[in-house]
């Protein structure tokens, strides 16, 4: 440990000596990546007044990831972020002269509002768009109809490489042209949604641009005297490092030698303790016991007895349940265990875990590093060292030898998607794992990551999709009771899913039991919006 501290200290001294002699803005580094999309999309535009509808053709040339802001300001993205933008244009559909609608189109459209465009990453997380430089269409000559005549960009994590840009239905203002004759600006309805998938290379292109030195940076260039002082300081720091290393080696040699007057170790001395084997103290004289020193190369964790082999299970399709536990976990500890269970594909650093389970808020304070380490120790006590090893000598923390109901759910679906003859039974088994809304009882700040990372939304979507598809199969097979059971199981994760309520209404309407129908409408009215209940009741008439 001393060696690491010395290296960091002297590294800091070396940096202090060298870096002041360099200009503070010698160069800028720019990271970029491109996706050559080369696709066109037709977005319908409608004038609600006369119901005239013509499409705008959006030509998407490419998408770009760039650490330099695409709005022309030259601003660099915040640390850990990058800007994602589209290079695209839009113009009216060009109809042939023989078409009766030739010469009819919309133009001079006010560019899409920012609220109409979003980016959904492959992880499911949604990012809003920033709109800049909108063009005033009244003074905008050229073939563009103005639909996307602005700069749109998203600020996404630097690690992002795949996702979908979504243009949702919205409202705008434009001019309707009939026989190439335009009228006055009118409100227009922009259709959709339009989805534009984007994908970038894993490796970004790095460009370094030198900057001319400013007057302040010229003043920062070291004079011969300051350079000599810097070299002197560097030499002094190296001498200190060399001295400390020599002292440390000398101490190691001394500690390795037996104490004066002590007997040499007996060949029958007990072997070094290993993981899972408690050490035993030989029965010698008190002096001999005092002279025994624990091996310096054995970690404390290696001397602790291992818990009996148990299967660790962490269930999240409902309220969080951890079984078995060897201690009572607090909310932060439960959140840490759940985070590592859901994100078990790799080891996670202490910073990553802290960022997830201890989000910063305007009113809350951050947690200190020692306190976070204590929480990790508490988490290890809850599930045992075998399931949560220490991070010593490892890239981070990772749960091992465990299972979750979510992973079980996914395995059953993957198996059901094969040619297995019992595919329907496997899907029923997966659906029966659901107990309620994922993490339903965990609403403290430590579980905000379940929403910010879209974990809950993924689970809800998977369960409702399964319930919807399975119920349709069971209805076709004539198993109305099984279909009703599947739909009610799906409603446990999303009680206001209109799709599942529509399916359930179709099933219940096959019953001649009027009391069951009355109960169905009361339950629907309790969880759905009045307009949604109206939609359900319309299904009575087919």
Protein backbone atom coordinates (compact mmCIF):
# COMPACT_ATOMS: atom_id res chain seq x y z
CA UNK A 1 0.00 0.00 0.00
CA UNK A 2 2.88 2.37 0.82
CA UNK A 3 4.34 1.78 -2.62
CA UNK A 4 1.10 2.83 -4.31
CA UNK A 5 0.83 5.98 -2.21
CA UNK A 6 4.41 6.97 -3.02
CA UNK A 7 3.92 6.42 -6.72
CA UNK A 8 0.81 8.61 -6.77
CA UNK A 9 2.52 11.33 -4.75
CA UNK A 10 5.59 11.47 -6.96
CA UNK A 11 3.48 11.25 -10.09
CA UNK A 12 1.66 14.32 -8.88
CA UNK A 13 4.95 16.13 -8.29
CA UNK A 14 6.16 15.26 -11.76
CA UNK A 15 2.95 16.55 -13.30
CA UNK A 16 3.28 19.79 -11.31
CA UNK A 17 6.79 20.28 -12.60
CA UNK A 18 6.14 19.58 -16.26
CA UNK A 19 2.66 20.86 -17.02
CA UNK A 20 3.07 24.53 -16.01
CA UNK A 21 5.54 24.98 -18.83
CA UNK A 22 2.92 24.00 -21.44
CA UNK A 23 0.30 26.35 -22.91
CA UNK A 24 -3.08 25.74 -21.30
CA UNK A 25 -4.85 25.53 -24.67
CA UNK A 26 -2.25 23.93 -26.93
CA UNK A 27 -4.80 21.79 -28.81
CA UNK A 28 -8.38 20.52 -28.78
CA UNK A 29 -9.43 16.89 -29.21
CA UNK A 30 -12.61 16.14 -31.15
CA UNK A 31 -14.38 12.77 -31.23
CA UNK A 32 -16.73 11.90 -34.11
CA UNK A 33 -18.56 9.02 -35.75
CA UNK A 34 -20.91 8.77 -38.73
CA UNK A 35 -23.80 6.61 -39.84
CA UNK A 36 -24.37 6.89 -43.60
CA UNK A 37 -28.13 6.35 -43.51
CA UNK A 38 -29.12 7.55 -47.01
CA UNK A 39 -32.83 6.87 -46.49
CA UNK A 40 -36.02 8.80 -47.23
CA UNK A 41 -39.13 8.93 -45.07
CA UNK A 42 -42.57 10.26 -46.00
CA UNK A 43 -44.31 12.14 -43.20
CA UNK A 44 -47.99 12.89 -43.86
CA UNK A 45 -49.13 16.49 -43.39
CA UNK A 46 -52.84 17.31 -43.12
CA UNK A 47 -54.88 20.50 -43.21
CA UNK A 48 -57.70 19.76 -40.72
CA UNK A 49 -59.86 22.45 -42.33
CA UNK A 50 -60.31 20.68 -45.68
CA UNK A 51 -58.76 17.28 -44.78
CA UNK A 52 -56.22 17.64 -47.59
CA UNK A 53 -53.22 15.37 -46.92
CA UNK A 54 -49.90 15.33 -48.73
CA UNK A 55 -46.55 14.00 -47.59
CA UNK A 56 -43.29 15.71 -46.89
CA UNK A 57 -40.25 13.71 -47.94
CA UNK A 58 -37.48 13.77 -45.34
CA UNK A 59 -34.15 12.84 -46.92
CA UNK A 60 -31.82 11.64 -44.15
CA UNK A 61 -28.27 11.69 -45.48
CA UNK A 62 -26.43 10.69 -42.30
CA UNK A 63 -26.28 10.86 -38.53
CA UNK A 64 -23.32 12.17 -36.57
CA UNK A 65 -21.85 11.76 -33.12
CA UNK A 66 -19.64 14.74 -32.36
CA UNK A 67 -18.19 16.27 -29.22
CA UNK A 68 -18.50 19.68 -30.92
CA UNK A 69 -21.98 21.20 -30.80
CA UNK A 70 -23.66 21.09 -34.23
CA UNK A 71 -25.38 24.46 -33.71
CA UNK A 72 -22.21 26.26 -34.83
CA UNK A 73 -21.37 27.68 -31.42
CA UNK A 74 -18.18 25.62 -31.16
CA UNK A 75 -19.13 24.49 -27.64
CA UNK A 76 -17.64 21.16 -26.53
CA UNK A 77 -19.90 18.53 -25.02
CA UNK A 78 -19.79 18.07 -21.23
CA UNK A 79 -17.48 15.39 -19.87
CA UNK A 80 -18.82 11.94 -20.64
CA UNK A 81 -21.34 13.26 -23.20
CA UNK A 82 -21.53 13.62 -26.97
CA UNK A 83 -23.93 15.33 -29.39
CA UNK A 84 -26.04 13.26 -31.78
CA UNK A 85 -27.53 15.01 -34.83
CA UNK A 86 -29.11 14.26 -38.21
CA UNK A 87 -28.01 15.67 -41.53
CA UNK A 88 -31.33 15.83 -43.39
CA UNK A 89 -33.58 17.94 -45.58
CA UNK A 90 -37.30 17.92 -46.37
CA UNK A 91 -39.40 18.87 -49.38
CA UNK A 92 -42.91 18.18 -50.73
CA UNK A 93 -43.66 14.92 -52.52
CA UNK A 94 -42.99 15.42 -56.21
CA UNK A 95 -46.03 14.09 -58.03
CA UNK A 96 -45.93 13.52 -61.81
CA UNK A 97 -47.74 16.08 -63.95
CA UNK A 98 -50.27 13.41 -64.98
CA UNK A 99 -51.38 13.03 -61.36
CA UNK A 100 -54.53 15.06 -60.54
CA UNK A 101 -52.87 16.21 -57.31
CA UNK A 102 -49.76 17.48 -59.05
CA UNK A 103 -49.02 21.00 -57.88
CA UNK A 104 -50.79 20.44 -54.55
CA UNK A 105 -48.51 20.38 -51.49
CA UNK A 106 -47.64 22.12 -48.23
CA UNK A 107 -44.70 24.47 -47.87
CA UNK A 108 -43.38 27.29 -45.67
CA UNK A 109 -43.93 24.96 -42.70
CA UNK A 110 -42.68 26.12 -39.32
CA UNK A 111 -39.93 23.65 -38.28
CA UNK A 112 -41.00 20.82 -35.99
CA UNK A 113 -41.09 21.77 -32.30
CA UNK A 114 -38.60 20.15 -29.96
CA UNK A 115 -41.41 18.36 -28.14
CA UNK A 116 -42.11 16.30 -31.27
CA UNK A 117 -38.67 14.69 -31.53
CA UNK A 118 -36.95 12.31 -29.13
CA UNK A 119 -34.17 9.76 -29.16
CA UNK A 120 -34.59 6.28 -27.67
CA UNK A 121 -31.29 4.52 -27.02
CA UNK A 122 -30.92 0.77 -27.39
CA UNK A 123 -31.14 0.55 -23.59
CA UNK A 124 -34.65 2.03 -23.75
CA UNK A 125 -33.72 5.35 -22.18
CA UNK A 126 -35.31 8.38 -23.86
CA UNK A 127 -33.49 11.67 -24.50
CA UNK A 128 -35.11 15.01 -25.45
CA UNK A 129 -33.97 17.07 -28.41
CA UNK A 130 -32.57 20.57 -28.48
CA UNK A 131 -33.74 22.74 -31.38
CA UNK A 132 -31.50 25.56 -32.60
CA UNK A 133 -31.28 27.90 -35.59
CA UNK A 134 -34.90 27.56 -36.82
CA UNK A 135 -35.34 29.15 -40.25
CA UNK A 136 -38.00 31.81 -40.85
CA UNK A 137 -39.89 30.17 -43.72
CA UNK A 138 -41.33 33.44 -45.00
CA UNK A 139 -37.84 34.38 -46.21
CA UNK A 140 -36.53 30.93 -47.07
CA UNK A 141 -36.23 30.32 -50.80
CA UNK A 142 -35.41 26.89 -52.16
CA UNK A 143 -37.01 23.48 -52.52
CA UNK A 144 -37.31 22.72 -48.80
CA UNK A 145 -40.81 22.82 -47.33
CA UNK A 146 -39.42 23.82 -43.92
CA UNK A 147 -40.59 20.80 -41.91
CA UNK A 148 -37.15 20.17 -40.38
CA UNK A 149 -35.44 23.40 -41.37
CA UNK A 150 -33.58 23.78 -38.06
CA UNK A 151 -30.71 22.19 -36.15
CA UNK A 152 -31.84 19.31 -33.94
CA UNK A 153 -29.42 17.50 -31.65
CA UNK A 154 -29.40 15.23 -28.61
CA UNK A 155 -26.93 15.16 -25.73
CA UNK A 156 -26.26 11.46 -25.09
CA UNK A 157 -23.66 9.45 -23.15
CA UNK A 158 -20.30 9.09 -24.82
CA UNK A 159 -20.76 5.31 -24.84
CA UNK A 160 -24.00 5.44 -26.86
CA UNK A 161 -23.82 3.84 -30.30
CA UNK A 162 -27.33 2.66 -31.24
CA UNK A 163 -30.88 3.89 -30.94
CA UNK A 164 -33.88 5.32 -32.77
CA UNK A 165 -34.88 8.92 -33.47
CA UNK A 166 -38.65 9.24 -33.17
CA UNK A 167 -40.72 12.02 -34.79
CA UNK A 168 -44.11 12.00 -33.05
CA UNK A 169 -47.40 13.47 -34.31
CA UNK A 170 -47.61 17.18 -33.60
CA UNK A 171 -48.95 20.52 -34.84
CA UNK A 172 -47.30 23.17 -36.99
CA UNK A 173 -48.16 26.04 -39.34
CA UNK A 174 -47.68 26.16 -43.09
CA UNK A 175 -49.09 27.17 -46.44
CA UNK A 176 -51.27 24.94 -48.60
CA UNK A 177 -50.47 25.11 -52.30
CA UNK A 178 -53.11 24.16 -54.86
CA UNK A 179 -52.07 24.14 -58.51
CA UNK A 180 -48.81 25.76 -57.37
CA UNK A 181 -50.76 28.67 -55.88
CA UNK A 182 -50.26 29.27 -52.17
CA UNK A 183 -52.71 30.64 -49.64
CA UNK A 184 -52.33 32.03 -46.16
CA UNK A 185 -50.58 30.15 -43.33
CA UNK A 186 -52.89 27.62 -41.66
CA UNK A 187 -52.54 25.12 -38.75
CA UNK A 188 -51.32 21.73 -39.95
CA UNK A 189 -51.30 18.28 -38.37
CA UNK A 190 -48.01 16.40 -38.74
CA UNK A 191 -48.52 12.63 -38.78
CA UNK A 192 -46.39 9.85 -37.42
CA UNK A 193 -44.70 8.40 -35.57
CA UNK A 194 -41.68 8.19 -37.86
CA UNK A 195 -38.77 6.10 -36.58
CA UNK A 196 -35.23 6.59 -37.87
CA UNK A 197 -32.77 3.94 -36.58
CA UNK A 198 -29.16 5.03 -36.17
CA UNK A 199 -26.04 2.96 -35.53
CA UNK A 200 -22.43 4.08 -35.18
CA UNK A 201 -19.04 2.34 -35.20
CA UNK A 202 -17.78 1.23 -31.82
CA UNK A 203 -14.60 3.28 -32.20
CA UNK A 204 -14.83 7.05 -32.54
CA UNK A 205 -12.59 9.05 -34.85
CA UNK A 206 -10.19 11.30 -32.96
CA UNK A 207 -9.07 14.61 -34.42
CA UNK A 208 -6.58 16.92 -32.73
CA UNK A 209 -6.66 20.57 -33.75
CA UNK A 210 -3.75 22.80 -32.63
CA UNK A 211 -4.65 26.20 -31.23
CA UNK A 212 -2.48 29.30 -31.62
CA UNK A 213 -0.95 30.35 -28.29
CA UNK A 214 -2.64 33.31 -26.67
CA UNK A 215 -0.86 36.08 -24.83
CA UNK A 216 -1.70 34.45 -21.50
CA UNK A 217 -0.31 31.10 -22.63
CA UNK A 218 2.86 32.79 -23.89
CA UNK A 219 3.34 34.23 -20.46
CA UNK A 220 2.95 30.71 -19.06
CA UNK A 221 5.98 29.41 -21.02
CA UNK A 222 8.77 28.69 -18.57
CA UNK A 223 11.86 30.90 -18.55
CA UNK A 224 15.26 29.18 -18.25
CA UNK A 225 15.28 29.96 -14.55
CA UNK A 226 11.81 28.51 -13.96
CA UNK A 227 12.69 25.46 -16.04
CA UNK A 228 15.80 24.94 -13.91
CA UNK A 229 13.69 25.23 -10.75
CA UNK A 230 11.28 22.68 -12.16
CA UNK A 231 14.04 20.20 -12.94
CA UNK A 232 15.49 20.70 -9.47
CA UNK A 233 12.11 19.94 -7.90
CA UNK A 234 11.70 16.85 -10.09
CA UNK A 235 15.16 15.58 -9.09
CA UNK A 236 14.33 16.14 -5.43
CA UNK A 237 11.07 14.21 -5.73
CA UNK A 238 12.90 11.28 -7.38
CA UNK A 239 15.42 11.22 -4.54
CA UNK A 240 12.58 11.12 -2.01
CA UNK A 241 10.97 8.26 -3.93
CA UNK A 242 14.25 6.30 -4.07
CA UNK A 243 14.83 6.78 -0.32
CA UNK A 244 11.32 5.62 0.63
CA UNK A 245 11.58 2.53 -1.55
CA UNK A 246 14.92 1.57 0.05
CA UNK A 247 13.50 2.02 3.57
CA UNK A 248 10.46 -0.07 2.67
CA UNK A 249 12.61 -2.93 1.29
CA UNK A 250 14.83 -2.85 4.38
CA UNK A 251 11.77 -3.15 6.63
CA UNK A 252 10.52 -6.12 4.61
CA UNK A 253 13.86 -7.90 5.01
CA UNK A 254 13.87 -7.28 8.75
CA UNK A 255 10.29 -8.51 9.23
CA UNK A 256 11.06 -11.65 7.22
CA UNK A 257 13.88 -12.67 9.64
CA UNK A 258 13.00 -14.60 12.85
CA UNK A 259 13.14 -12.64 16.08
CA UNK A 260 16.34 -12.92 18.11
CA UNK A 261 16.21 -15.82 20.55
CA UNK A 262 13.10 -17.35 19.00
CA UNK A 263 13.04 -20.92 17.83
CA UNK A 264 12.94 -21.66 14.10
CA UNK A 265 9.57 -22.75 12.74
CA UNK A 266 8.81 -26.39 13.29
CA UNK A 267 8.36 -28.58 10.21
CA UNK A 268 5.10 -29.76 11.78
CA UNK A 269 3.75 -26.22 11.93
CA UNK A 270 0.09 -26.00 10.71
CA UNK A 271 -0.26 -25.06 7.04
CA UNK A 272 -1.30 -21.59 5.93
CA UNK A 273 -5.03 -20.96 6.37
CA UNK A 274 -7.09 -21.15 3.22
CA UNK A 275 -10.53 -19.80 2.35
CA UNK A 276 -13.16 -21.72 4.33
CA UNK A 277 -10.70 -23.20 6.85
CA UNK A 278 -10.54 -21.48 10.26
CA UNK A 279 -7.07 -21.19 11.73
CA UNK A 280 -6.16 -23.05 14.93
CA UNK A 281 -3.59 -21.80 17.41
CA UNK A 282 -1.02 -24.42 18.48
CA UNK A 283 -0.71 -24.99 22.21
CA UNK A 284 2.70 -23.55 23.03
CA UNK A 285 3.98 -21.45 25.85
CA UNK A 286 2.58 -17.91 26.21
CA UNK A 287 5.84 -16.48 24.88
CA UNK A 288 5.60 -18.62 21.78
CA UNK A 289 2.02 -17.54 21.20
CA UNK A 290 2.97 -13.89 21.44
CA UNK A 291 5.78 -14.33 18.95
CA UNK A 292 3.47 -15.81 16.28
CA UNK A 293 2.67 -13.35 13.52
CA UNK A 294 -0.14 -13.78 11.00
CA UNK A 295 1.10 -14.24 7.42
CA UNK A 296 1.33 -10.87 5.70
CA UNK A 297 0.13 -12.26 2.36
CA UNK A 298 -3.22 -13.61 3.63
CA UNK A 299 -6.24 -11.30 3.37
CA UNK A 300 -8.66 -11.00 6.27
CA UNK A 301 -11.47 -12.24 4.03
CA UNK A 302 -9.49 -15.44 3.40
CA UNK A 303 -9.49 -16.23 7.13
CA UNK A 304 -13.28 -15.98 7.52
CA UNK A 305 -15.29 -19.22 7.42
CA UNK A 306 -17.40 -19.65 4.30
CA UNK A 307 -21.16 -19.74 4.62
CA UNK A 308 -22.86 -23.01 3.78
CA UNK A 309 -23.67 -23.41 0.08
CA UNK A 310 -27.05 -21.81 -0.52
CA UNK A 311 -28.82 -20.68 -3.65
CA UNK A 312 -29.20 -16.90 -3.61
CA UNK A 313 -32.45 -15.70 -5.19
CA UNK A 314 -33.35 -12.07 -5.86
CA UNK A 315 -36.90 -11.45 -7.07
CA UNK A 316 -37.91 -8.10 -8.57
CA UNK A 317 -41.13 -8.83 -10.52
CA UNK A 318 -43.09 -7.36 -7.66
CA UNK A 319 -41.65 -6.13 -4.38
CA UNK A 320 -37.94 -6.80 -3.98
CA UNK A 321 -37.23 -10.10 -2.20
CA UNK A 322 -33.75 -11.39 -1.30
CA UNK A 323 -33.41 -14.96 -0.01
CA UNK A 324 -31.64 -16.11 2.01
CA UNK A 325 -30.15 -13.21 3.96
CA UNK A 326 -27.59 -13.41 6.77
CA UNK A 327 -28.36 -9.92 8.12
CA UNK A 328 -31.16 -7.37 7.98
CA UNK A 329 -30.51 -5.05 4.99
CA UNK A 330 -31.18 -1.32 4.96
CA UNK A 331 -32.75 0.39 1.93
CA UNK A 332 -29.38 1.46 0.43
CA UNK A 333 -28.03 -2.07 0.86
CA UNK A 334 -31.12 -3.60 -0.74
CA UNK A 335 -30.73 -1.17 -3.66
CA UNK A 336 -27.05 -2.11 -4.06
CA UNK A 337 -27.85 -5.83 -4.15
CA UNK A 338 -30.70 -5.31 -6.61
CA UNK A 339 -28.54 -3.09 -8.85
CA UNK A 340 -25.78 -5.69 -9.02
CA UNK A 341 -28.34 -8.46 -9.62
CA UNK A 342 -29.98 -6.69 -12.57
CA UNK A 343 -26.66 -5.48 -14.02
CA UNK A 344 -24.73 -8.72 -13.57
CA UNK A 345 -23.11 -8.80 -17.01
CA UNK A 346 -19.91 -7.20 -15.69
CA UNK A 347 -18.18 -5.88 -12.60
CA UNK A 348 -19.09 -2.36 -11.47
CA UNK A 349 -16.82 0.18 -9.83
CA UNK A 350 -17.72 1.79 -6.54
CA UNK A 351 -18.34 5.08 -8.37
CA UNK A 352 -20.86 3.45 -10.73
CA UNK A 353 -22.76 1.87 -7.86
CA UNK A 354 -22.74 5.10 -5.86
CA UNK A 355 -23.99 7.12 -8.84
CA UNK A 356 -26.87 4.67 -9.36
CA UNK A 357 -28.12 4.14 -5.81
CA UNK A 358 -27.23 7.55 -4.39
CA UNK A 359 -28.37 10.08 -7.02
CA UNK A 360 -27.62 13.71 -6.36
CA UNK A 361 -30.59 15.97 -5.76
CA UNK A 362 -30.93 19.71 -5.19
CA UNK A 363 -31.91 19.20 -1.56
CA UNK A 364 -29.90 16.08 -0.75
CA UNK A 365 -26.20 15.75 -0.01
CA UNK A 366 -23.75 13.31 -1.50
CA UNK A 367 -22.40 10.35 0.43
CA UNK A 368 -18.76 10.12 1.47
CA UNK A 369 -16.57 7.36 0.05
CA UNK A 370 -15.96 5.63 3.44
CA UNK A 371 -19.72 5.48 4.06
CA UNK A 372 -20.24 3.94 0.61
CA UNK A 373 -17.60 1.30 1.35
CA UNK A 374 -19.42 0.53 4.60
CA UNK A 375 -22.63 -0.04 2.64
CA UNK A 376 -20.77 -2.47 0.36
CA UNK A 377 -19.50 -4.31 3.44
CA UNK A 378 -23.07 -4.46 4.78
CA UNK A 379 -24.28 -5.82 1.43
CA UNK A 380 -21.63 -8.56 1.64
CA UNK A 381 -22.83 -9.45 5.12
CA UNK A 382 -26.41 -9.77 3.86
CA UNK A 383 -25.74 -12.17 0.96
CA UNK A 384 -22.39 -13.65 2.03
CA UNK A 385 -18.84 -13.38 0.71
CA UNK A 386 -19.39 -16.23 -1.73
CA UNK A 387 -22.07 -14.28 -3.61
CA UNK A 388 -20.45 -10.82 -3.32
CA UNK A 389 -16.64 -11.11 -3.24
CA UNK A 390 -14.49 -8.17 -2.27
CA UNK A 391 -13.20 -5.91 -5.04
CA UNK A 392 -9.60 -6.48 -3.97
CA UNK A 393 -7.66 -7.57 -7.05
CA UNK A 394 -10.81 -7.38 -9.19
CA UNK A 395 -12.12 -4.78 -11.68
CA UNK A 396 -15.07 -4.04 -9.39
CA UNK A 397 -18.03 -5.57 -7.57
CA UNK A 398 -20.16 -8.32 -9.12
CA UNK A 399 -22.71 -10.77 -7.74
CA UNK A 400 -21.98 -14.42 -8.49
CA UNK A 401 -23.81 -17.73 -8.16
CA UNK A 402 -27.33 -16.33 -7.92
CA UNK A 403 -30.57 -16.10 -9.88
CA UNK A 404 -33.41 -13.61 -10.34
CA UNK A 405 -37.02 -14.08 -11.36
CA UNK A 406 -36.37 -11.61 -14.20
CA UNK A 407 -33.54 -13.76 -15.58
CA UNK A 408 -35.73 -16.84 -15.08
CA UNK A 409 -38.52 -15.09 -16.99
CA UNK A 410 -36.21 -14.31 -19.90
CA UNK A 411 -34.81 -17.86 -20.03
CA UNK A 412 -38.30 -19.33 -20.22
CA UNK A 413 -39.25 -17.00 -23.07
CA UNK A 414 -36.05 -17.83 -24.95
CA UNK A 415 -36.80 -21.53 -24.57
CA UNK A 416 -40.41 -21.01 -25.63
CA UNK A 417 -39.24 -19.29 -28.81
CA UNK A 418 -37.59 -22.52 -29.96
CA UNK A 419 -39.44 -25.44 -31.52
CA UNK A 420 -40.26 -26.87 -28.11
CA UNK A 421 -43.67 -28.63 -28.19
CA UNK A 422 -44.63 -27.16 -24.80
CA UNK A 423 -43.99 -23.53 -25.77
CA UNK A 424 -47.35 -22.41 -24.39
CA UNK A 425 -46.66 -24.02 -21.01
CA UNK A 426 -43.27 -22.32 -20.83
CA UNK A 427 -44.85 -18.94 -21.46
CA UNK A 428 -47.48 -19.58 -18.82
CA UNK A 429 -44.72 -20.50 -16.38
CA UNK A 430 -42.91 -17.26 -17.18
CA UNK A 431 -46.06 -15.22 -16.66
CA UNK A 432 -46.72 -16.90 -13.31
CA UNK A 433 -43.45 -15.46 -11.98
CA UNK A 434 -45.06 -12.00 -11.95
CA UNK A 435 -46.23 -10.81 -8.51
CA UNK A 436 -46.83 -7.13 -9.23
CA UNK A 437 -45.19 -3.96 -10.52
CA UNK A 438 -41.40 -4.43 -10.53
CA UNK A 439 -39.85 -2.93 -7.38
CA UNK A 440 -43.38 -1.90 -6.37
CA UNK A 441 -42.57 -1.44 -2.67
CA UNK A 442 -39.26 0.33 -3.25
CA UNK A 443 -39.96 4.02 -3.85
CA UNK A 444 -37.04 5.59 -1.97
CA UNK A 445 -34.34 7.63 -3.70
CA UNK A 446 -32.03 4.62 -3.75
CA UNK A 447 -34.21 2.92 -6.38
CA UNK A 448 -34.51 5.83 -8.84
CA UNK A 449 -32.05 3.97 -11.08
CA UNK A 450 -34.77 1.44 -11.87
CA UNK A 451 -36.57 4.18 -13.79
CA UNK A 452 -33.68 6.30 -15.10
CA UNK A 453 -32.18 3.20 -16.72
CA UNK A 454 -35.61 2.06 -17.99
CA UNK A 455 -35.31 -1.29 -16.17
CA UNK A 456 -38.89 -1.16 -14.90
CA UNK A 457 -40.24 -0.12 -18.30
CA UNK A 458 -38.48 -3.04 -20.01
CA UNK A 459 -39.96 -5.51 -17.54
CA UNK A 460 -43.44 -4.05 -17.80
CA UNK A 461 -43.30 -4.10 -21.60
CA UNK A 462 -42.05 -7.70 -21.69
CA UNK A 463 -44.78 -8.91 -19.33
CA UNK A 464 -47.65 -7.07 -21.03
CA UNK A 465 -46.49 -8.22 -24.48
CA UNK A 466 -46.40 -11.80 -23.22
CA UNK A 467 -49.85 -11.56 -21.65
CA UNK A 468 -51.29 -10.02 -24.82
CA UNK A 469 -49.81 -12.64 -27.16
CA UNK A 470 -50.56 -15.64 -24.94
CA UNK A 471 -54.16 -14.59 -24.36
CA UNK A 472 -54.73 -14.32 -28.10
CA UNK A 473 -53.42 -17.87 -28.58
CA UNK A 474 -55.60 -19.21 -25.76
CA UNK A 475 -58.68 -17.48 -27.17
CA UNK A 476 -58.04 -19.10 -30.55
CA UNK A 477 -57.65 -22.42 -28.74
CA UNK A 478 -60.98 -21.93 -26.98
CA UNK A 479 -59.43 -21.58 -23.50
CA UNK A 480 -61.19 -18.43 -22.33
CA UNK A 481 -60.44 -19.10 -18.65
CA UNK A 482 -56.74 -19.44 -19.42
CA UNK A 483 -56.82 -16.25 -21.49
CA UNK A 484 -58.50 -14.34 -18.66
CA UNK A 485 -55.93 -15.64 -16.18
CA UNK A 486 -53.04 -14.58 -18.44
CA UNK A 487 -54.49 -11.08 -18.90
CA UNK A 488 -55.08 -10.53 -15.19
CA UNK A 489 -51.51 -11.66 -14.55
CA UNK A 490 -50.29 -9.09 -17.05
CA UNK A 491 -52.38 -6.36 -15.43
CA UNK A 492 -50.42 -6.91 -12.22
CA UNK A 493 -47.50 -4.95 -13.74
CA UNK A 494 -49.57 -2.32 -15.55
CA UNK A 495 -53.10 -2.03 -14.26
CA UNK A 496 -53.90 0.77 -16.76
CA UNK A 497 -52.76 -1.03 -19.92
CA UNK A 498 -55.52 -0.25 -22.39
CA UNK A 499 -54.37 -3.09 -24.67
CA UNK A 500 -54.78 -5.69 -21.93
CA UNK A 501 -58.12 -4.20 -20.86
CA UNK A 502 -59.36 -4.41 -24.43
CA UNK A 503 -58.32 -8.07 -24.63
CA UNK A 504 -59.91 -8.77 -21.26
CA UNK A 505 -63.13 -7.03 -22.30
CA UNK A 506 -63.36 -9.26 -25.37
CA UNK A 507 -62.96 -12.33 -23.15
CA UNK A 508 -65.42 -11.19 -20.47
CA UNK A 509 -68.01 -10.25 -23.09
CA UNK A 510 -68.17 -13.93 -24.04
CA UNK A 511 -69.62 -14.62 -20.59
CA UNK A 512 -73.35 -14.60 -19.93
CA UNK A 513 -72.82 -13.74 -16.27
CA UNK A 514 -74.13 -10.19 -15.89
CA UNK A 515 -72.66 -9.76 -12.40
CA UNK A 516 -69.22 -10.54 -13.83
CA UNK A 517 -69.72 -7.91 -16.52
CA UNK A 518 -70.80 -5.32 -13.93
CA UNK A 519 -67.70 -6.07 -11.85
CA UNK A 520 -65.54 -5.74 -14.95
CA UNK A 521 -66.83 -2.26 -15.73
CA UNK A 522 -66.42 -1.13 -12.11
CA UNK A 523 -62.81 -2.32 -12.03
CA UNK A 524 -62.08 -0.66 -15.37
CA UNK A 525 -63.58 2.64 -14.18
CA UNK A 526 -61.41 2.54 -11.07
CA UNK A 527 -58.08 2.44 -12.93
CA UNK A 528 -58.70 3.82 -16.42
CA UNK A 529 -59.49 7.30 -17.69
CA UNK A 530 -63.14 7.96 -18.52
CA UNK A 531 -62.37 8.22 -22.24
CA UNK A 532 -60.64 4.83 -22.14
CA UNK A 533 -63.67 3.26 -20.49
CA UNK A 534 -65.79 4.68 -23.31
CA UNK A 535 -63.49 2.94 -25.80
CA UNK A 536 -63.93 -0.33 -23.92
CA UNK A 537 -67.70 -0.04 -23.84
CA UNK A 538 -67.72 0.50 -27.59
CA UNK A 539 -66.42 -3.06 -27.92
CA UNK A 540 -69.82 -4.27 -26.74
CA UNK A 541 -71.09 -3.35 -30.21
CA UNK A 542 -68.20 -5.08 -31.92
